[in-house]
Amino acid sequence: MSSRLNPYLGFRDTAREAMDFYQSVFGGEITRSTFGEFNASDDPAEKDKIMHSELTITSGFSLMASDTPSSMELPTSSSVTVSLSGDDEAELTGYWEKLLEGGTATRSLSKAPWGDSFGMLVDKFGTSWMVNIAGTTADAASSSGTKSVRDDVTR
């Protein structure tokens, strides 16, 4: 297997619910392990909490998550944002709409100065997301009156 970079999200007692939500957004298959299965916590209240879970999506990416044990501090802020990008407008817009359910758009999904559609949101579990839907080079050039950033990148 080649190396992969996977977002790994930490929750306090809501990893199962969050991963079920992300599966409703992206589809795919979830694998889960609990603290109880591995005797990984001395706290009986944590036996059914998620020690590790992974959502594997058919489009080739995965999302991992776990519950943070009560004996550990859960960071309340992060500068990490999960980014979704590509050129399948219907697929990415669908992800955007589902992730937004119960969440808050911090920048609505709309045409960006670089010619793509771009938006930012925080979902109902507090995870920050960016969605970028690639526009065509011609769209980007005509909207700005100049050549696009993508023109320089592809040369």
Protein backbone atom coordinates (compact mmCIF):
# COMPACT_ATOMS: atom_id res chain seq x y z
CA MET A 1 0.00 0.00 0.00
CA SER A 2 1.25 3.46 -0.80
CA SER A 3 1.23 6.19 1.85
CA ARG A 4 -1.99 8.11 2.46
CA LEU A 5 -2.95 11.23 4.35
CA ASN A 6 -6.28 10.84 6.19
CA PRO A 7 -8.24 13.39 8.20
CA TYR A 8 -8.68 12.02 11.75
CA LEU A 9 -11.38 13.76 13.76
CA GLY A 10 -11.66 13.73 17.54
CA PHE A 11 -14.97 13.94 19.38
CA ARG A 12 -16.22 13.75 22.95
CA ASP A 13 -18.82 10.96 23.01
CA THR A 14 -20.25 11.68 19.53
CA ALA A 15 -17.88 9.85 17.16
CA ARG A 16 -20.46 7.14 16.35
CA GLU A 17 -23.16 9.71 15.57
CA ALA A 18 -20.72 11.87 13.58
CA MET A 19 -19.47 8.97 11.48
CA ASP A 20 -23.04 7.82 10.78
CA PHE A 21 -23.75 11.39 9.61
CA TYR A 22 -20.66 11.46 7.39
CA GLN A 23 -21.70 8.11 5.91
CA SER A 24 -25.10 9.64 5.07
CA VAL A 25 -23.23 12.47 3.31
CA PHE A 26 -20.56 10.50 1.43
CA GLY A 27 -21.80 6.91 1.35
CA GLY A 28 -19.15 4.24 1.83
CA GLU A 29 -18.48 1.71 4.55
CA ILE A 30 -17.66 2.26 8.22
CA THR A 31 -15.47 0.06 10.38
CA ARG A 32 -15.48 0.66 14.13
CA SER A 33 -13.69 -0.53 17.23
CA THR A 34 -14.80 0.34 20.74
CA PHE A 35 -12.73 0.86 23.86
CA GLY A 36 -14.47 -2.17 25.36
CA GLU A 37 -13.43 -4.49 22.53
CA PHE A 38 -9.77 -3.81 23.32
CA ASN A 39 -10.05 -3.23 27.08
CA ALA A 40 -8.62 0.20 26.35
CA SER A 41 -10.36 2.09 29.14
CA ASP A 42 -10.81 1.44 32.84
CA ASP A 43 -14.01 3.50 32.78
CA PRO A 44 -17.03 1.20 32.24
CA ALA A 45 -18.97 4.20 30.83
CA GLU A 46 -16.55 4.28 27.89
CA LYS A 47 -16.80 0.61 26.83
CA ASP A 48 -19.13 1.43 23.90
CA LYS A 49 -17.33 4.63 22.90
CA ILE A 50 -15.42 4.63 19.63
CA MET A 51 -11.69 3.96 19.96
CA HIS A 52 -11.22 4.03 16.17
CA SER A 53 -13.51 4.28 13.16
CA GLU A 54 -12.90 4.71 9.47
CA LEU A 55 -15.30 5.66 6.72
CA THR A 56 -13.99 4.43 3.38
CA ILE A 57 -15.67 6.12 0.43
CA THR A 58 -15.80 4.60 -3.05
CA SER A 59 -14.34 7.75 -4.61
CA GLY A 60 -11.05 6.86 -2.92
CA PHE A 61 -10.85 8.90 0.23
CA SER A 62 -11.36 8.03 3.86
CA LEU A 63 -12.28 9.82 7.05
CA MET A 64 -11.26 8.57 10.49
CA ALA A 65 -12.58 9.47 13.93
CA SER A 66 -12.62 8.47 17.58
CA ASP A 67 -14.04 9.53 20.91
CA THR A 68 -11.53 11.19 23.20
CA PRO A 69 -11.53 9.38 26.57
CA SER A 70 -12.67 11.44 29.54
CA SER A 71 -9.16 11.11 31.00
CA MET A 72 -7.75 13.11 28.05
CA GLU A 73 -8.23 16.73 27.10
CA LEU A 74 -10.23 17.36 23.93
CA PRO A 75 -8.95 20.42 22.07
CA THR A 76 -11.74 22.94 21.65
CA SER A 77 -10.29 24.75 18.68
CA SER A 78 -8.24 23.84 15.67
CA SER A 79 -6.87 25.47 12.59
CA VAL A 80 -7.52 22.28 10.59
CA THR A 81 -10.21 22.32 7.92
CA VAL A 82 -11.23 19.32 5.81
CA SER A 83 -11.17 20.31 2.14
CA LEU A 84 -13.20 18.71 -0.63
CA SER A 85 -12.35 19.68 -4.20
CA GLY A 86 -12.84 18.46 -7.73
CA ASP A 87 -14.80 19.17 -10.87
CA ASP A 88 -17.96 17.10 -10.30
CA GLU A 89 -20.35 19.92 -9.50
CA ALA A 90 -23.35 17.71 -8.69
CA GLU A 91 -21.36 15.46 -6.35
CA LEU A 92 -19.62 18.30 -4.48
CA THR A 93 -22.76 20.43 -4.25
CA GLY A 94 -24.56 17.40 -2.81
CA TYR A 95 -21.83 16.98 -0.19
CA TRP A 96 -22.05 20.71 0.62
CA GLU A 97 -25.83 20.60 1.11
CA LYS A 98 -25.71 17.50 3.32
CA LEU A 99 -22.79 18.76 5.44
CA LEU A 100 -24.63 22.05 5.95
CA GLU A 101 -27.67 20.31 7.55
CA GLY A 102 -27.61 21.48 11.16
CA GLY A 103 -24.37 23.39 10.54
CA THR A 104 -23.42 26.95 9.60
CA ALA A 105 -22.07 28.34 6.34
CA THR A 106 -19.19 30.71 7.06
CA ARG A 107 -18.89 31.54 3.33
CA SER A 108 -21.73 30.50 1.06
CA LEU A 109 -20.94 28.23 -1.88
CA SER A 110 -20.63 30.68 -4.75
CA LYS A 111 -18.38 31.84 -7.58
CA ALA A 112 -14.94 32.80 -6.27
CA PRO A 113 -12.52 35.35 -7.77
CA TRP A 114 -10.36 32.51 -9.15
CA GLY A 115 -13.31 31.19 -11.18
CA ASP A 116 -14.24 28.16 -9.11
CA SER A 117 -17.25 27.77 -6.85
CA PHE A 118 -16.09 27.88 -3.24
CA GLY A 119 -17.69 27.74 0.18
CA MET A 120 -16.83 27.15 3.83
CA LEU A 121 -18.95 25.69 6.61
CA VAL A 122 -18.86 24.25 10.09
CA ASP A 123 -20.99 21.11 10.38
CA LYS A 124 -23.24 20.21 13.31
CA PHE A 125 -20.34 18.36 14.98
CA GLY A 126 -18.02 21.38 14.84
CA THR A 127 -15.86 20.15 11.94
CA SER A 128 -14.76 22.86 9.50
CA TRP A 129 -15.08 22.11 5.78
CA MET A 130 -14.13 23.86 2.55
CA VAL A 131 -15.65 22.87 -0.79
CA ASN A 132 -14.05 23.98 -4.06
CA ILE A 133 -15.69 23.07 -7.37
CA ALA A 134 -13.34 23.67 -10.28
CA GLY A 135 -14.58 26.02 -12.96
CA THR A 136 -13.33 25.84 -16.50
CA THR A 137 -10.26 27.86 -17.50
CA ALA A 138 -12.39 29.82 -19.94
CA ASP A 139 -14.91 30.66 -17.18
CA ALA A 140 -12.13 31.88 -14.88
CA ALA A 141 -10.49 33.97 -17.61
CA SER A 142 -13.73 35.57 -18.77
CA SER A 143 -14.91 36.37 -15.24
CA SER A 144 -11.69 38.19 -14.35
CA GLY A 145 -10.86 39.61 -17.76
CA THR A 146 -7.38 38.08 -17.49
CA LYS A 147 -5.83 34.67 -17.69
CA SER A 148 -6.64 32.41 -14.77
CA VAL A 149 -4.38 31.20 -12.03
CA ARG A 150 -5.04 27.72 -13.38
CA ASP A 151 -3.42 28.77 -16.73
CA ASP A 152 -0.15 29.43 -14.92
CA VAL A 153 -0.35 26.22 -12.91
CA THR A 154 -0.97 23.95 -15.89
CA ARG A 155 1.97 25.25 -17.94
